[in-house]
Amino acid sequence: MQADIMPLVAGSLILLSSIISLELGLSVAIIEIIMGTIAGNLGMKPEAWMLYLASFGGIILTFLAGAEIDIQMMKEKFKESFKLIS
């Protein structure tokens, strides 16, 4: 696929995923994963900027998951959770 239309195709797939998720009542993430799988099988290859955004998104997602950890609860339940590990 030509590199100059790749952003247009990717943007169109993202928009189409949003519309489909609203119509079906499913999570947009599920539809985007399905659309990405289909696009990959049809020959769409990620460009450098797509890989950069994907890596950045993974880092942000990991940070946000870590920010929601309740430290006080971890201290209170440490012994119980440690018993499960060993």
PDB file of N, CA and C in Angstrom:
ATOM      1  N   MET A   1       0.848  -1.177   0.000  1.00  0.00           N
ATOM      2  CA  MET A   1       0.000   0.000   0.000  1.00  0.00           C
ATOM      3  C   MET A   1       0.888   1.233   0.000  1.00  0.00           C
ATOM      4  N   GLN A   2       0.474   2.259  -0.678  1.00  0.00           N
ATOM      5  CA  GLN A   2       1.286   3.458  -0.775  1.00  0.00           C
ATOM      6  C   GLN A   2       1.360   4.165   0.568  1.00  0.00           C
ATOM      7  N   ALA A   3       2.549   4.665   0.874  1.00  0.00           N
ATOM      8  CA  ALA A   3       2.771   5.296   2.174  1.00  0.00           C
ATOM      9  C   ALA A   3       2.013   6.602   2.325  1.00  0.00           C
ATOM     10  N   ASP A   4       1.697   7.274   1.226  1.00  0.00           N
ATOM     11  CA  ASP A   4       1.030   8.564   1.349  1.00  0.00           C
ATOM     12  C   ASP A   4      -0.455   8.448   1.681  1.00  0.00           C
ATOM     13  N   ILE A   5      -1.075   7.288   1.442  1.00  0.00           N
ATOM     14  CA  ILE A   5      -2.476   7.126   1.814  1.00  0.00           C
ATOM     15  C   ILE A   5      -2.655   6.312   3.094  1.00  0.00           C
ATOM     16  N   MET A   6      -1.556   5.849   3.671  1.00  0.00           N
ATOM     17  CA  MET A   6      -1.626   5.041   4.886  1.00  0.00           C
ATOM     18  C   MET A   6      -2.315   5.775   6.043  1.00  0.00           C
ATOM     19  N   PRO A   7      -1.994   7.034   6.329  1.00  0.00           N
ATOM     20  CA  PRO A   7      -2.707   7.729   7.410  1.00  0.00           C
ATOM     21  C   PRO A   7      -4.204   7.871   7.140  1.00  0.00           C
ATOM     22  N   LEU A   8      -4.580   8.054   5.882  1.00  0.00           N
ATOM     23  CA  LEU A   8      -5.995   8.155   5.528  1.00  0.00           C
ATOM     24  C   LEU A   8      -6.716   6.839   5.790  1.00  0.00           C
ATOM     25  N   VAL A   9      -6.096   5.740   5.413  1.00  0.00           N
ATOM     26  CA  VAL A   9      -6.699   4.427   5.635  1.00  0.00           C
ATOM     27  C   VAL A   9      -6.790   4.135   7.132  1.00  0.00           C
ATOM     28  N   ALA A  10      -5.732   4.429   7.874  1.00  0.00           N
ATOM     29  CA  ALA A  10      -5.736   4.182   9.318  1.00  0.00           C
ATOM     30  C   ALA A  10      -6.794   5.037  10.008  1.00  0.00           C
ATOM     31  N   GLY A  11      -6.876   6.302   9.643  1.00  0.00           N
ATOM     32  CA  GLY A  11      -7.886   7.178  10.230  1.00  0.00           C
ATOM     33  C   GLY A  11      -9.296   6.736   9.893  1.00  0.00           C
ATOM     34  N   SER A  12      -9.495   6.275   8.669  1.00  0.00           N
ATOM     35  CA  SER A  12     -10.812   5.786   8.258  1.00  0.00           C
ATOM     36  C   SER A  12     -11.204   4.540   9.041  1.00  0.00           C
ATOM     37  N   LEU A  13     -10.249   3.651   9.265  1.00  0.00           N
ATOM     38  CA  LEU A  13     -10.538   2.447  10.048  1.00  0.00           C
ATOM     39  C   LEU A  13     -10.879   2.788  11.495  1.00  0.00           C
ATOM     40  N   ILE A  14     -10.193   3.777  12.051  1.00  0.00           N
ATOM     41  CA  ILE A  14     -10.479   4.198  13.424  1.00  0.00           C
ATOM     42  C   ILE A  14     -11.879   4.796  13.511  1.00  0.00           C
ATOM     43  N   LEU A  15     -12.236   5.647  12.556  1.00  0.00           N
ATOM     44  CA  LEU A  15     -13.572   6.243  12.532  1.00  0.00           C
ATOM     45  C   LEU A  15     -14.641   5.177  12.337  1.00  0.00           C
ATOM     46  N   LEU A  16     -14.398   4.255  11.427  1.00  0.00           N
ATOM     47  CA  LEU A  16     -15.342   3.174  11.178  1.00  0.00           C
ATOM     48  C   LEU A  16     -15.504   2.290  12.416  1.00  0.00           C
ATOM     49  N   SER A  17     -14.425   2.058  13.136  1.00  0.00           N
ATOM     50  CA  SER A  17     -14.494   1.269  14.367  1.00  0.00           C
ATOM     51  C   SER A  17     -15.375   1.949  15.406  1.00  0.00           C
ATOM     52  N   SER A  18     -15.257   3.260  15.518  1.00  0.00           N
ATOM     53  CA  SER A  18     -16.079   4.003  16.473  1.00  0.00           C
ATOM     54  C   SER A  18     -17.555   3.919  16.113  1.00  0.00           C
ATOM     55  N   ILE A  19     -17.854   4.060  14.843  1.00  0.00           N
ATOM     56  CA  ILE A  19     -19.251   3.994  14.401  1.00  0.00           C
ATOM     57  C   ILE A  19     -19.823   2.601  14.631  1.00  0.00           C
ATOM     58  N   ILE A  20     -19.064   1.576  14.290  1.00  0.00           N
ATOM     59  CA  ILE A  20     -19.526   0.198  14.486  1.00  0.00           C
ATOM     60  C   ILE A  20     -19.736  -0.098  15.966  1.00  0.00           C
ATOM     61  N   SER A  21     -18.835   0.375  16.821  1.00  0.00           N
ATOM     62  CA  SER A  21     -18.976   0.104  18.253  1.00  0.00           C
ATOM     63  C   SER A  21     -20.218   0.775  18.824  1.00  0.00           C
ATOM     64  N   LEU A  22     -20.552   1.961  18.338  1.00  0.00           N
ATOM     65  CA  LEU A  22     -21.777   2.622  18.792  1.00  0.00           C
ATOM     66  C   LEU A  22     -23.019   1.872  18.324  1.00  0.00           C
ATOM     67  N   GLU A  23     -22.984   1.378  17.098  1.00  0.00           N
ATOM     68  CA  GLU A  23     -24.137   0.654  16.556  1.00  0.00           C
ATOM     69  C   GLU A  23     -24.344  -0.691  17.255  1.00  0.00           C
ATOM     70  N   LEU A  24     -23.251  -1.390  17.543  1.00  0.00           N
ATOM     71  CA  LEU A  24     -23.350  -2.719  18.151  1.00  0.00           C
ATOM     72  C   LEU A  24     -23.382  -2.684  19.672  1.00  0.00           C
ATOM     73  N   GLY A  25     -22.983  -1.560  20.259  1.00  0.00           N
ATOM     74  CA  GLY A  25     -22.947  -1.459  21.715  1.00  0.00           C
ATOM     75  C   GLY A  25     -21.768  -2.189  22.334  1.00  0.00           C
ATOM     76  N   LEU A  26     -20.704  -2.369  21.573  1.00  0.00           N
ATOM     77  CA  LEU A  26     -19.500  -3.029  22.073  1.00  0.00           C
ATOM     78  C   LEU A  26     -18.428  -1.995  22.375  1.00  0.00           C
ATOM     79  N   SER A  27     -17.408  -2.427  23.075  1.00  0.00           N
ATOM     80  CA  SER A  27     -16.279  -1.550  23.361  1.00  0.00           C
ATOM     81  C   SER A  27     -15.537  -1.225  22.073  1.00  0.00           C
ATOM     82  N   VAL A  28     -15.151   0.035  21.939  1.00  0.00           N
ATOM     83  CA  VAL A  28     -14.443   0.457  20.728  1.00  0.00           C
ATOM     84  C   VAL A  28     -13.082  -0.229  20.626  1.00  0.00           C
ATOM     85  N   ALA A  29     -12.479  -0.575  21.752  1.00  0.00           N
ATOM     86  CA  ALA A  29     -11.171  -1.238  21.730  1.00  0.00           C
ATOM     87  C   ALA A  29     -11.262  -2.607  21.050  1.00  0.00           C
ATOM     88  N   ILE A  30     -12.336  -3.332  21.307  1.00  0.00           N
ATOM     89  CA  ILE A  30     -12.507  -4.652  20.694  1.00  0.00           C
ATOM     90  C   ILE A  30     -12.634  -4.520  19.179  1.00  0.00           C
ATOM     91  N   ILE A  31     -13.437  -3.559  18.749  1.00  0.00           N
ATOM     92  CA  ILE A  31     -13.632  -3.354  17.317  1.00  0.00           C
ATOM     93  C   ILE A  31     -12.336  -2.884  16.660  1.00  0.00           C
ATOM     94  N   GLU A  32     -11.582  -2.021  17.337  1.00  0.00           N
ATOM     95  CA  GLU A  32     -10.314  -1.546  16.776  1.00  0.00           C
ATOM     96  C   GLU A  32      -9.307  -2.681  16.632  1.00  0.00           C
ATOM     97  N   ILE A  33      -9.282  -3.598  17.588  1.00  0.00           N
ATOM     98  CA  ILE A  33      -8.379  -4.749  17.489  1.00  0.00           C
ATOM     99  C   ILE A  33      -8.768  -5.626  16.302  1.00  0.00           C
ATOM    100  N   ILE A  34     -10.066  -5.847  16.131  1.00  0.00           N
ATOM    101  CA  ILE A  34     -10.534  -6.653  14.998  1.00  0.00           C
ATOM    102  C   ILE A  34     -10.192  -5.972  13.678  1.00  0.00           C
ATOM    103  N   MET A  35     -10.441  -4.662  13.601  1.00  0.00           N
ATOM    104  CA  MET A  35     -10.135  -3.920  12.369  1.00  0.00           C
ATOM    105  C   MET A  35      -8.629  -3.923  12.090  1.00  0.00           C
ATOM    106  N   GLY A  36      -7.820  -3.799  13.126  1.00  0.00           N
ATOM    107  CA  GLY A  36      -6.376  -3.833  12.945  1.00  0.00           C
ATOM    108  C   GLY A  36      -5.891  -5.181  12.454  1.00  0.00           C
ATOM    109  N   THR A  37      -6.511  -6.242  12.947  1.00  0.00           N
ATOM    110  CA  THR A  37      -6.161  -7.584  12.492  1.00  0.00           C
ATOM    111  C   THR A  37      -6.515  -7.765  11.019  1.00  0.00           C
ATOM    112  N   ILE A  38      -7.692  -7.287  10.654  1.00  0.00           N
ATOM    113  CA  ILE A  38      -8.113  -7.383   9.254  1.00  0.00           C
ATOM    114  C   ILE A  38      -7.186  -6.559   8.361  1.00  0.00           C
ATOM    115  N   ALA A  39      -6.875  -5.334   8.789  1.00  0.00           N
ATOM    116  CA  ALA A  39      -5.999  -4.467   7.989  1.00  0.00           C
ATOM    117  C   ALA A  39      -4.607  -5.078   7.844  1.00  0.00           C
ATOM    118  N   GLY A  40      -4.102  -5.680   8.910  1.00  0.00           N
ATOM    119  CA  GLY A  40      -2.793  -6.323   8.836  1.00  0.00           C
ATOM    120  C   GLY A  40      -2.778  -7.501   7.887  1.00  0.00           C
ATOM    121  N   ASN A  41      -3.862  -8.266   7.888  1.00  0.00           N
ATOM    122  CA  ASN A  41      -3.945  -9.408   6.975  1.00  0.00           C
ATOM    123  C   ASN A  41      -4.122  -8.983   5.524  1.00  0.00           C
ATOM    124  N   LEU A  42      -4.636  -7.782   5.316  1.00  0.00           N
ATOM    125  CA  LEU A  42      -4.799  -7.274   3.954  1.00  0.00           C
ATOM    126  C   LEU A  42      -3.553  -6.570   3.439  1.00  0.00           C
ATOM    127  N   GLY A  43      -2.510  -6.504   4.249  1.00  0.00           N
ATOM    128  CA  GLY A  43      -1.240  -5.966   3.780  1.00  0.00           C
ATOM    129  C   GLY A  43      -0.856  -4.608   4.326  1.00  0.00           C
ATOM    130  N   MET A  44      -1.617  -4.053   5.234  1.00  0.00           N
ATOM    131  CA  MET A  44      -1.266  -2.751   5.808  1.00  0.00           C
ATOM    132  C   MET A  44      -0.152  -2.948   6.830  1.00  0.00           C
ATOM    133  N   LYS A  45       0.958  -2.291   6.615  1.00  0.00           N
ATOM    134  CA  LYS A  45       2.113  -2.402   7.505  1.00  0.00           C
ATOM    135  C   LYS A  45       2.254  -1.124   8.322  1.00  0.00           C
ATOM    136  N   PRO A  46       2.635  -1.251   9.591  1.00  0.00           N
ATOM    137  CA  PRO A  46       2.795  -0.048  10.420  1.00  0.00           C
ATOM    138  C   PRO A  46       3.999   0.781   9.986  1.00  0.00           C
ATOM    139  N   GLU A  47       3.823   2.078  10.058  1.00  0.00           N
ATOM    140  CA  GLU A  47       4.926   2.992   9.769  1.00  0.00           C
ATOM    141  C   GLU A  47       5.600   3.369  11.078  1.00  0.00           C
ATOM    142  N   ALA A  48       6.687   4.106  10.989  1.00  0.00           N
ATOM    143  CA  ALA A  48       7.465   4.462  12.178  1.00  0.00           C
ATOM    144  C   ALA A  48       6.641   5.269  13.172  1.00  0.00           C
ATOM    145  N   TRP A  49       5.817   6.196  12.690  1.00  0.00           N
ATOM    146  CA  TRP A  49       5.037   7.013  13.609  1.00  0.00           C
ATOM    147  C   TRP A  49       3.963   6.188  14.306  1.00  0.00           C
ATOM    148  N   MET A  50       3.441   5.145  13.644  1.00  0.00           N
ATOM    149  CA  MET A  50       2.454   4.276  14.277  1.00  0.00           C
ATOM    150  C   MET A  50       3.094   3.471  15.405  1.00  0.00           C
ATOM    151  N   LEU A  51       4.297   2.974  15.160  1.00  0.00           N
ATOM    152  CA  LEU A  51       5.006   2.219  16.196  1.00  0.00           C
ATOM    153  C   LEU A  51       5.349   3.106  17.386  1.00  0.00           C
ATOM    154  N   TYR A  52       5.720   4.358  17.116  1.00  0.00           N
ATOM    155  CA  TYR A  52       6.028   5.308  18.188  1.00  0.00           C
ATOM    156  C   TYR A  52       4.787   5.569  19.036  1.00  0.00           C
ATOM    157  N   LEU A  53       3.655   5.835  18.391  1.00  0.00           N
ATOM    158  CA  LEU A  53       2.425   6.099  19.139  1.00  0.00           C
ATOM    159  C   LEU A  53       1.973   4.873  19.927  1.00  0.00           C
ATOM    160  N   ALA A  54       2.139   3.684  19.352  1.00  0.00           N
ATOM    161  CA  ALA A  54       1.759   2.463  20.055  1.00  0.00           C
ATOM    162  C   ALA A  54       2.622   2.262  21.299  1.00  0.00           C
ATOM    163  N   SER A  55       3.915   2.508  21.184  1.00  0.00           N
ATOM    164  CA  SER A  55       4.812   2.376  22.335  1.00  0.00           C
ATOM    165  C   SER A  55       4.484   3.406  23.407  1.00  0.00           C
ATOM    166  N   PHE A  56       4.245   4.632  22.980  1.00  0.00           N
ATOM    167  CA  PHE A  56       3.899   5.696  23.925  1.00  0.00           C
ATOM    168  C   PHE A  56       2.581   5.379  24.631  1.00  0.00           C
ATOM    169  N   GLY A  57       1.609   4.876  23.892  1.00  0.00           N
ATOM    170  CA  GLY A  57       0.328   4.501  24.485  1.00  0.00           C
ATOM    171  C   GLY A  57       0.472   3.377  25.498  1.00  0.00           C
ATOM    172  N   GLY A  58       1.338   2.409  25.209  1.00  0.00           N
ATOM    173  CA  GLY A  58       1.581   1.332  26.166  1.00  0.00           C
ATOM    174  C   GLY A  58       2.207   1.827  27.452  1.00  0.00           C
ATOM    175  N   ILE A  59       3.124   2.769  27.333  1.00  0.00           N
ATOM    176  CA  ILE A  59       3.760   3.349  28.520  1.00  0.00           C
ATOM    177  C   ILE A  59       2.743   4.119  29.347  1.00  0.00           C
ATOM    178  N   ILE A  60       1.913   4.920  28.696  1.00  0.00           N
ATOM    179  CA  ILE A  60       0.889   5.695  29.404  1.00  0.00           C
ATOM    180  C   ILE A  60      -0.112   4.767  30.081  1.00  0.00           C
ATOM    181  N   LEU A  61      -0.528   3.702  29.398  1.00  0.00           N
ATOM    182  CA  LEU A  61      -1.472   2.752  29.978  1.00  0.00           C
ATOM    183  C   LEU A  61      -0.888   2.079  31.215  1.00  0.00           C
ATOM    184  N   THR A  62       0.376   1.701  31.154  1.00  0.00           N
ATOM    185  CA  THR A  62       1.042   1.100  32.305  1.00  0.00           C
ATOM    186  C   THR A  62       1.130   2.082  33.463  1.00  0.00           C
ATOM    187  N   PHE A  63       1.453   3.336  33.170  1.00  0.00           N
ATOM    188  CA  PHE A  63       1.520   4.360  34.212  1.00  0.00           C
ATOM    189  C   PHE A  63       0.161   4.563  34.868  1.00  0.00           C
ATOM    190  N   LEU A  64      -0.894   4.648  34.070  1.00  0.00           N
ATOM    191  CA  LEU A  64      -2.225   4.870  34.629  1.00  0.00           C
ATOM    192  C   LEU A  64      -2.683   3.682  35.473  1.00  0.00           C
ATOM    193  N   ALA A  65      -2.330   2.473  35.066  1.00  0.00           N
ATOM    194  CA  ALA A  65      -2.677   1.301  35.871  1.00  0.00           C
ATOM    195  C   ALA A  65      -1.938   1.335  37.203  1.00  0.00           C
ATOM    196  N   GLY A  66      -0.684   1.748  37.184  1.00  0.00           N
ATOM    197  CA  GLY A  66       0.083   1.852  38.423  1.00  0.00           C
ATOM    198  C   GLY A  66      -0.400   2.976  39.314  1.00  0.00           C
ATOM    199  N   ALA A  67      -0.941   4.030  38.719  1.00  0.00           N
ATOM    200  CA  ALA A  67      -1.423   5.168  39.504  1.00  0.00           C
ATOM    201  C   ALA A  67      -2.692   4.833  40.273  1.00  0.00           C
ATOM    202  N   GLU A  68      -3.398   3.783  39.879  1.00  0.00           N
ATOM    203  CA  GLU A  68      -4.642   3.416  40.542  1.00  0.00           C
ATOM    204  C   GLU A  68      -4.439   2.409  41.669  1.00  0.00           C
ATOM    205  N   ILE A  69      -3.219   2.040  41.961  1.00  0.00           N
ATOM    206  CA  ILE A  69      -2.942   1.068  43.019  1.00  0.00           C
ATOM    207  C   ILE A  69      -3.149   1.725  44.372  1.00  0.00           C
ATOM    208  N   ASP A  70      -3.862   1.033  45.239  1.00  0.00           N
ATOM    209  CA  ASP A  70      -4.108   1.529  46.592  1.00  0.00           C
ATOM    210  C   ASP A  70      -2.993   1.006  47.501  1.00  0.00           C
ATOM    211  N   ILE A  71      -2.053   1.868  47.838  1.00  0.00           N
ATOM    212  CA  ILE A  71      -0.885   1.483  48.633  1.00  0.00           C
ATOM    213  C   ILE A  71      -1.296   1.031  50.029  1.00  0.00           C
ATOM    214  N   GLN A  72      -2.252   1.707  50.624  1.00  0.00           N
ATOM    215  CA  GLN A  72      -2.690   1.352  51.980  1.00  0.00           C
ATOM    216  C   GLN A  72      -3.279  -0.059  52.000  1.00  0.00           C
ATOM    217  N   MET A  73      -4.087  -0.408  51.015  1.00  0.00           N
ATOM    218  CA  MET A  73      -4.662  -1.747  50.959  1.00  0.00           C
ATOM    219  C   MET A  73      -3.571  -2.794  50.736  1.00  0.00           C
ATOM    220  N   MET A  74      -2.564  -2.461  49.941  1.00  0.00           N
ATOM    221  CA  MET A  74      -1.465  -3.399  49.723  1.00  0.00           C
ATOM    222  C   MET A  74      -0.720  -3.679  51.019  1.00  0.00           C
ATOM    223  N   LYS A  75      -0.535  -2.656  51.848  1.00  0.00           N
ATOM    224  CA  LYS A  75       0.132  -2.849  53.132  1.00  0.00           C
ATOM    225  C   LYS A  75      -0.710  -3.713  54.057  1.00  0.00           C
ATOM    226  N   GLU A  76      -2.030  -3.494  54.054  1.00  0.00           N
ATOM    227  CA  GLU A  76      -2.917  -4.255  54.933  1.00  0.00           C
ATOM    228  C   GLU A  76      -3.030  -5.717  54.510  1.00  0.00           C
ATOM    229  N   LYS A  77      -3.042  -5.994  53.238  1.00  0.00           N
ATOM    230  CA  LYS A  77      -3.260  -7.349  52.720  1.00  0.00           C
ATOM    231  C   LYS A  77      -1.970  -8.037  52.294  1.00  0.00           C
ATOM    232  N   PHE A  78      -0.820  -7.545  52.736  1.00  0.00           N
ATOM    233  CA  PHE A  78       0.453  -8.090  52.278  1.00  0.00           C
ATOM    234  C   PHE A  78       0.613  -9.561  52.650  1.00  0.00           C
ATOM    235  N   LYS A  79       0.334  -9.911  53.903  1.00  0.00           N
ATOM    236  CA  LYS A  79       0.543 -11.295  54.339  1.00  0.00           C
ATOM    237  C   LYS A  79      -0.380 -12.261  53.604  1.00  0.00           C
ATOM    238  N   GLU A  80      -1.641 -11.879  53.420  1.00  0.00           N
ATOM    239  CA  GLU A  80      -2.576 -12.760  52.722  1.00  0.00           C
ATOM    240  C   GLU A  80      -2.163 -12.975  51.271  1.00  0.00           C
ATOM    241  N   SER A  81      -1.746 -11.918  50.617  1.00  0.00           N
ATOM    242  CA  SER A  81      -1.344 -12.056  49.217  1.00  0.00           C
ATOM    243  C   SER A  81      -0.016 -12.794  49.084  1.00  0.00           C
ATOM    244  N   PHE A  82       0.871 -12.645  50.050  1.00  0.00           N
ATOM    245  CA  PHE A  82       2.147 -13.341  49.996  1.00  0.00           C
ATOM    246  C   PHE A  82       1.954 -14.840  50.178  1.00  0.00           C
ATOM    247  N   LYS A  83       0.954 -15.244  50.968  1.00  0.00           N
ATOM    248  CA  LYS A  83       0.657 -16.664  51.144  1.00  0.00           C
ATOM    249  C   LYS A  83       0.198 -17.293  49.832  1.00  0.00           C
ATOM    250  N   LEU A  84      -0.501 -16.534  49.014  1.00  0.00           N
ATOM    251  CA  LEU A  84      -0.957 -17.054  47.727  1.00  0.00           C
ATOM    252  C   LEU A  84       0.200 -17.303  46.773  1.00  0.00           C
ATOM    253  N   ILE A  85       1.233 -16.487  46.872  1.00  0.00           N
ATOM    254  CA  ILE A  85       2.381 -16.613  45.974  1.00  0.00           C
ATOM    255  C   ILE A  85       3.211 -17.844  46.312  1.00  0.00           C
ATOM    256  N   SER A  86       3.424 -18.096  47.596  1.00  0.00           N
ATOM    257  CA  SER A  86       4.305 -19.207  47.986  1.00  0.00           C
ATOM    258  C   SER A  86       3.583 -20.499  48.186  1.00  0.00           C
TER     259      SER A  86
END
